Amino acid sequence: MKTWAELISEVPDVPPELLQWWLSDFFDASLTHLPLQDSPSESQLTAFTQAVVRLKTGEPVQYVCGRTPFRDLELHIDARVLIPRPETEQLVQIALDRFITSGDRVLDVGTGSGCIALSIKKARPGCQVSARDISAEALEVARENARRLGLDVDFKQADLLTEEPFRSSELIIANLPYIGEIEKADLPENVREFEPHLALFSGDDGTPLIKKLLKQALDVLTPEGVVLLETGEHQGAIWRQQATELGWQVESICDLADRERFWIFKR
C-alpha cells in the first residue's frame, strides 16, 4: 500500500499543497504533523479519491473540506457562501480596535457565513450583534455556525437596511459585493465558477450595493455612529465622491498589501 506522500506526489493537475491542506483538515493535524509516511486505510483512500475528483475541477479546497479558519473561529462553509478572506479578518480587527465597546449595537450587513458578526460577538460578548443577508441559503450557514459556536447573533433576511428601525446601531460593518460584472472574466476560475455570484458582483462597476447602503445608513446609525466597509482597491475616488454628496466624513485604511481597501464613514 502506498503512503500518503506517494499518493499525493502521483496526483496530476492538483497542486500538492492543496492535497496537504485537505489531509491536514481530514486528520485535524497541523501541516508539520501530517502522517505522510503512513498508508491510508480503505475508507481513508476512498475519501482521498473523492477529494481529488473535486479538487481537479477547480473547486476551492475550503469547500471540499467544508470548513475554514477565520480569526480564532472555525467556520463551516459550502458553496452557499463566500469563502472568508484574510482582508476581512483585518476589517474585523479595525472594528474591534477602534470602534466597538461593550454594549454597542453592531450590525453586519451581507453576513454570508457569519464570519464578521460571529467574530465580533466572540470578542465583545457584551455587544448586541445583528446580521443581515438577502440570501436565505447564506443565512442557513450563518445560523448553523452560530449554533455550533454557541454565539448569540440575531440573523435576519433583509435587503441591506430595509428592515432596520431608525437610528439603531453604533456601528454598521459590511463586506458587500464590490466586483463589477465587467471584471468577471479577470477573476480566478475557482472564484468565478464556484463562489456565489450574489456575494461577489454588484452592477457593472461593483459599487451600487455599497452606494445604496451608505444612503440607507444615514437613517439607521446613531448620531455618533460609524459605517465601516471593505471595498475594491481601485474605488477610492468613488467613495470620496459619495462621502461629499451624502455629507459623510471619510477615512481610508490600507490592507497589509498597501491597497486602499477599508473605509470609515462618519456623520
Foldseek 3Di string as FASTA:
>chain_A
DAFQLVVLVPQPQAPSVLLLVLQCLVVVHDSVPRRRRHHDDPVVVVLSVVLSVCVNVVADSLQSSQWDDADPAIAGDHQQFDDDDVQVSVLLVCCVVPPDDAAFEEEEEQCQLVRNQQVNCVVHVRYAYEYEHQDPSSVVNNVVSCVVVVGDYHYDYDLQCPPAAFAAGQEYEYAAAQAAPCCLVVDPPNCNPRHDPRRHYDYHGRPPSVLVNVQVVVGHHHLFHKYKYFHDQPCVVVVVVSCVVRVWDKDFDADPVRGGTMMITHD
